Amino acid sequence: MIPTLQLAAGAALLSAVLAFGGAWKIQSYRMDSLEHKYNDDIQKAKDATAAVEGTIAARVTEATAAAARRGITIRRSADAARSELDRLRNVLSDNQRRRDENPSSAGTDGAATGEAILGECAGAYQELARKADGHASDVKQMTEAWPRP
């Protein structure tokens, strides 16, 4: 009878070990599957992030290039304004020279004052236009470079 009990106990122990081993193996497969899915999800997230970063970088680069082109246009406009201002100064200088040569003409003082005011206004206008154009270009660059969904 004892050998039968030992045989039964051995069989029960063997069954328990096999059940434990089988459960361990099944859990191992499940865990491997979950790790594989987790790694796939991580890679997909990395790929998506890289794509978004690439899009943002391209948008920033494009906006920067457009801002540089606008800067060239602004500088050309400022140069044209300076040329026109120089032309007006030459006209004012010629008028002043004529007034100095013929001081008896009427309105000499008023014309000189008007010319001085015109010169100051032109300089102030030119500076204001430069600042406004630069600000508008900066706003446009930030708007174009801002990430969009």
C-alpha atoms as a PDB file:
ATOM      1  CA  MET A   1       0.000   0.000   0.000  1.00  0.00           C
ATOM      2  CA  ILE A   2       2.795   2.387   0.713  1.00  0.00           C
ATOM      3  CA  PRO A   3       4.227   1.984  -2.738  1.00  0.00           C
ATOM      4  CA  THR A   4       0.820   2.844  -4.188  1.00  0.00           C
ATOM      5  CA  LEU A   5       0.664   5.965  -2.039  1.00  0.00           C
ATOM      6  CA  GLN A   6       4.166   6.917  -3.075  1.00  0.00           C
ATOM      7  CA  LEU A   7       3.292   6.245  -6.688  1.00  0.00           C
ATOM      8  CA  ALA A   8       0.166   8.426  -6.371  1.00  0.00           C
ATOM      9  CA  ALA A   9       2.137  11.167  -4.642  1.00  0.00           C
ATOM     10  CA  GLY A  10       4.842  10.979  -7.314  1.00  0.00           C
ATOM     11  CA  ALA A  11       2.204  11.137 -10.043  1.00  0.00           C
ATOM     12  CA  ALA A  12       0.539  14.121  -8.353  1.00  0.00           C
ATOM     13  CA  LEU A  13       3.901  15.848  -7.991  1.00  0.00           C
ATOM     14  CA  LEU A  14       4.741  15.127 -11.611  1.00  0.00           C
ATOM     15  CA  SER A  15       1.325  16.484 -12.686  1.00  0.00           C
ATOM     16  CA  ALA A  16       1.844  19.612 -10.598  1.00  0.00           C
ATOM     17  CA  VAL A  17       5.318  20.170 -12.076  1.00  0.00           C
ATOM     18  CA  LEU A  18       4.002  19.652 -15.604  1.00  0.00           C
ATOM     19  CA  ALA A  19       1.048  21.975 -14.958  1.00  0.00           C
ATOM     20  CA  PHE A  20       3.346  24.598 -13.510  1.00  0.00           C
ATOM     21  CA  GLY A  21       5.746  24.268 -16.458  1.00  0.00           C
ATOM     22  CA  GLY A  22       2.893  24.490 -18.961  1.00  0.00           C
ATOM     23  CA  ALA A  23       1.433  27.552 -17.258  1.00  0.00           C
ATOM     24  CA  TRP A  24       4.891  29.105 -17.133  1.00  0.00           C
ATOM     25  CA  LYS A  25       5.368  28.487 -20.862  1.00  0.00           C
ATOM     26  CA  ILE A  26       1.937  29.920 -21.742  1.00  0.00           C
ATOM     27  CA  GLN A  27       2.644  33.025 -19.663  1.00  0.00           C
ATOM     28  CA  SER A  28       6.014  33.327 -21.354  1.00  0.00           C
ATOM     29  CA  TYR A  29       4.342  33.276 -24.780  1.00  0.00           C
ATOM     30  CA  ARG A  30       1.827  35.891 -23.646  1.00  0.00           C
ATOM     31  CA  MET A  31       4.556  38.077 -22.238  1.00  0.00           C
ATOM     32  CA  ASP A  32       6.607  37.782 -25.431  1.00  0.00           C
ATOM     33  CA  SER A  33       3.533  38.718 -27.424  1.00  0.00           C
ATOM     34  CA  LEU A  34       2.882  41.750 -25.226  1.00  0.00           C
ATOM     35  CA  GLU A  35       6.531  42.843 -25.433  1.00  0.00           C
ATOM     36  CA  HIS A  36       6.444  42.496 -29.211  1.00  0.00           C
ATOM     37  CA  LYS A  37       3.244  44.580 -29.403  1.00  0.00           C
ATOM     38  CA  TYR A  38       4.743  47.152 -27.031  1.00  0.00           C
ATOM     39  CA  ASN A  39       7.896  47.426 -29.140  1.00  0.00           C
ATOM     40  CA  ASP A  40       5.790  47.767 -32.300  1.00  0.00           C
ATOM     41  CA  ASP A  41       3.735  50.533 -30.673  1.00  0.00           C
ATOM     42  CA  ILE A  42       6.890  52.334 -29.566  1.00  0.00           C
ATOM     43  CA  GLN A  43       8.333  52.139 -33.088  1.00  0.00           C
ATOM     44  CA  LYS A  44       5.091  53.423 -34.606  1.00  0.00           C
ATOM     45  CA  ALA A  45       5.115  56.346 -32.152  1.00  0.00           C
ATOM     46  CA  LYS A  46       8.745  57.117 -33.016  1.00  0.00           C
ATOM     47  CA  ASP A  47       7.960  57.000 -36.743  1.00  0.00           C
ATOM     48  CA  ALA A  48       4.957  59.299 -36.288  1.00  0.00           C
ATOM     49  CA  THR A  49       7.021  61.716 -34.212  1.00  0.00           C
ATOM     50  CA  ALA A  50       9.786  61.755 -36.807  1.00  0.00           C
ATOM     51  CA  ALA A  51       7.241  62.471 -39.543  1.00  0.00           C
ATOM     52  CA  VAL A  52       5.724  65.367 -37.571  1.00  0.00           C
ATOM     53  CA  GLU A  53       9.164  66.758 -36.749  1.00  0.00           C
ATOM     54  CA  GLY A  54      10.113  66.546 -40.416  1.00  0.00           C
ATOM     55  CA  THR A  55       6.964  68.398 -41.423  1.00  0.00           C
ATOM     56  CA  ILE A  56       7.562  71.092 -38.815  1.00  0.00           C
ATOM     57  CA  ALA A  57      11.213  71.459 -39.819  1.00  0.00           C
ATOM     58  CA  ALA A  58      10.229  71.770 -43.469  1.00  0.00           C
ATOM     59  CA  ARG A  59       7.595  74.383 -42.618  1.00  0.00           C
ATOM     60  CA  VAL A  60      10.088  76.388 -40.535  1.00  0.00           C
ATOM     61  CA  THR A  61      12.686  76.200 -43.298  1.00  0.00           C
ATOM     62  CA  GLU A  62      10.138  77.308 -45.881  1.00  0.00           C
ATOM     63  CA  ALA A  63       8.948  80.184 -43.675  1.00  0.00           C
ATOM     64  CA  THR A  64      12.537  81.280 -43.046  1.00  0.00           C
ATOM     65  CA  ALA A  65      13.304  81.276 -46.762  1.00  0.00           C
ATOM     66  CA  ALA A  66      10.142  83.259 -47.484  1.00  0.00           C
ATOM     67  CA  ALA A  67      11.111  85.747 -44.759  1.00  0.00           C
ATOM     68  CA  ALA A  68      14.538  86.118 -46.336  1.00  0.00           C
ATOM     69  CA  ARG A  69      12.897  86.828 -49.706  1.00  0.00           C
ATOM     70  CA  ARG A  70      10.588  89.372 -48.065  1.00  0.00           C
ATOM     71  CA  GLY A  71      13.630  90.935 -46.394  1.00  0.00           C
ATOM     72  CA  ILE A  72      15.250  91.403 -49.798  1.00  0.00           C
ATOM     73  CA  THR A  73      12.068  93.023 -51.100  1.00  0.00           C
ATOM     74  CA  ILE A  74      11.885  95.275 -48.038  1.00  0.00           C
ATOM     75  CA  ARG A  75      15.521  96.321 -48.475  1.00  0.00           C
ATOM     76  CA  ARG A  76      14.891  97.089 -52.161  1.00  0.00           C
ATOM     77  CA  SER A  77      11.859  99.180 -51.234  1.00  0.00           C
ATOM     78  CA  ALA A  78      13.886 100.990 -48.576  1.00  0.00           C
ATOM     79  CA  ASP A  79      16.653 101.628 -51.102  1.00  0.00           C
ATOM     80  CA  ALA A  80      14.100 103.024 -53.548  1.00  0.00           C
ATOM     81  CA  ALA A  81      12.665 105.225 -50.796  1.00  0.00           C
ATOM     82  CA  ARG A  82      16.164 106.460 -49.921  1.00  0.00           C
ATOM     83  CA  SER A  83      16.821 107.232 -53.579  1.00  0.00           C
ATOM     84  CA  GLU A  84      13.576 109.188 -53.795  1.00  0.00           C
ATOM     85  CA  LEU A  85      14.405 110.973 -50.541  1.00  0.00           C
ATOM     86  CA  ASP A  86      17.840 111.868 -51.923  1.00  0.00           C
ATOM     87  CA  ARG A  87      16.186 113.191 -55.078  1.00  0.00           C
ATOM     88  CA  LEU A  88      13.807 115.315 -52.978  1.00  0.00           C
ATOM     89  CA  ARG A  89      16.723 116.598 -50.903  1.00  0.00           C
ATOM     90  CA  ASN A  90      18.497 117.610 -54.091  1.00  0.00           C
ATOM     91  CA  VAL A  91      15.380 119.452 -55.224  1.00  0.00           C
ATOM     92  CA  LEU A  92      15.152 121.145 -51.825  1.00  0.00           C
ATOM     93  CA  SER A  93      18.835 122.029 -51.987  1.00  0.00           C
ATOM     94  CA  ASP A  94      18.389 123.507 -55.453  1.00  0.00           C
ATOM     95  CA  ASN A  95      15.393 125.509 -54.233  1.00  0.00           C
ATOM     96  CA  GLN A  96      17.383 126.746 -51.243  1.00  0.00           C
ATOM     97  CA  ARG A  97      20.278 127.746 -53.515  1.00  0.00           C
ATOM     98  CA  ARG A  98      17.868 129.670 -55.771  1.00  0.00           C
ATOM     99  CA  ARG A  99      16.355 131.430 -52.764  1.00  0.00           C
ATOM    100  CA  ASP A 100      19.819 132.333 -51.512  1.00  0.00           C
ATOM    101  CA  GLU A 101      20.660 133.784 -54.933  1.00  0.00           C
ATOM    102  CA  ASN A 102      17.395 135.748 -55.111  1.00  0.00           C
ATOM    103  CA  PRO A 103      16.459 136.635 -51.517  1.00  0.00           C
ATOM    104  CA  SER A 104      13.768 139.122 -52.565  1.00  0.00           C
ATOM    105  CA  SER A 105      11.304 136.469 -53.755  1.00  0.00           C
ATOM    106  CA  ALA A 106       8.131 136.157 -51.714  1.00  0.00           C
ATOM    107  CA  GLY A 107       7.571 133.155 -49.409  1.00  0.00           C
ATOM    108  CA  THR A 108      11.264 132.412 -48.879  1.00  0.00           C
ATOM    109  CA  ASP A 109      10.908 131.748 -45.159  1.00  0.00           C
ATOM    110  CA  GLY A 110       7.757 129.703 -45.548  1.00  0.00           C
ATOM    111  CA  ALA A 111       9.290 127.592 -48.283  1.00  0.00           C
ATOM    112  CA  ALA A 112      12.410 126.944 -46.210  1.00  0.00           C
ATOM    113  CA  THR A 113      10.307 125.905 -43.231  1.00  0.00           C
ATOM    114  CA  GLY A 114       8.182 123.641 -45.423  1.00  0.00           C
ATOM    115  CA  GLU A 115      11.275 122.041 -46.865  1.00  0.00           C
ATOM    116  CA  ALA A 116      12.707 121.418 -43.401  1.00  0.00           C
ATOM    117  CA  ILE A 117       9.457 119.833 -42.242  1.00  0.00           C
ATOM    118  CA  LEU A 118       9.279 117.747 -45.408  1.00  0.00           C
ATOM    119  CA  GLY A 119      12.827 116.522 -44.817  1.00  0.00           C
ATOM    120  CA  GLU A 120      12.074 115.540 -41.201  1.00  0.00           C
ATOM    121  CA  CYS A 121       8.800 113.854 -42.139  1.00  0.00           C
ATOM    122  CA  ALA A 122      10.458 111.894 -44.930  1.00  0.00           C
ATOM    123  CA  GLY A 123      13.130 110.583 -42.570  1.00  0.00           C
ATOM    124  CA  ALA A 124      10.577 109.665 -39.898  1.00  0.00           C
ATOM    125  CA  TYR A 125       8.308 108.046 -42.476  1.00  0.00           C
ATOM    126  CA  GLN A 126      11.197 106.025 -43.877  1.00  0.00           C
ATOM    127  CA  GLU A 127      12.152 104.750 -40.407  1.00  0.00           C
ATOM    128  CA  LEU A 128       8.541 103.924 -39.548  1.00  0.00           C
ATOM    129  CA  ALA A 129       8.069 102.075 -42.847  1.00  0.00           C
ATOM    130  CA  ARG A 130      11.233 100.049 -42.238  1.00  0.00           C
ATOM    131  CA  LYS A 131      10.050  99.032 -38.766  1.00  0.00           C
ATOM    132  CA  ALA A 132       6.510  98.236 -39.971  1.00  0.00           C
ATOM    133  CA  ASP A 133       7.767  96.123 -42.873  1.00  0.00           C
ATOM    134  CA  GLY A 134      10.127  94.241 -40.571  1.00  0.00           C
ATOM    135  CA  HIS A 135       7.361  93.634 -38.031  1.00  0.00           C
ATOM    136  CA  ALA A 136       4.933  92.449 -40.709  1.00  0.00           C
ATOM    137  CA  SER A 137       7.562  90.093 -42.096  1.00  0.00           C
ATOM    138  CA  ASP A 138       8.274  88.678 -38.638  1.00  0.00           C
ATOM    139  CA  VAL A 139       4.567  88.111 -37.974  1.00  0.00           C
ATOM    140  CA  LYS A 140       4.136  86.386 -41.312  1.00  0.00           C
ATOM    141  CA  GLN A 141       7.190  84.185 -40.687  1.00  0.00           C
ATOM    142  CA  MET A 142       5.896  83.105 -37.263  1.00  0.00           C
ATOM    143  CA  THR A 143       2.434  82.433 -38.677  1.00  0.00           C
ATOM    144  CA  GLU A 144       3.809  80.351 -41.548  1.00  0.00           C
ATOM    145  CA  ALA A 145       6.198  78.401 -39.315  1.00  0.00           C
ATOM    146  CA  TRP A 146       3.665  77.711 -36.540  1.00  0.00           C
ATOM    147  CA  PRO A 147       2.813  73.992 -36.315  1.00  0.00           C
ATOM    148  CA  ARG A 148      -0.628  73.062 -37.595  1.00  0.00           C
ATOM    149  CA  PRO A 149      -2.622  69.962 -36.759  1.00  0.00           C
END
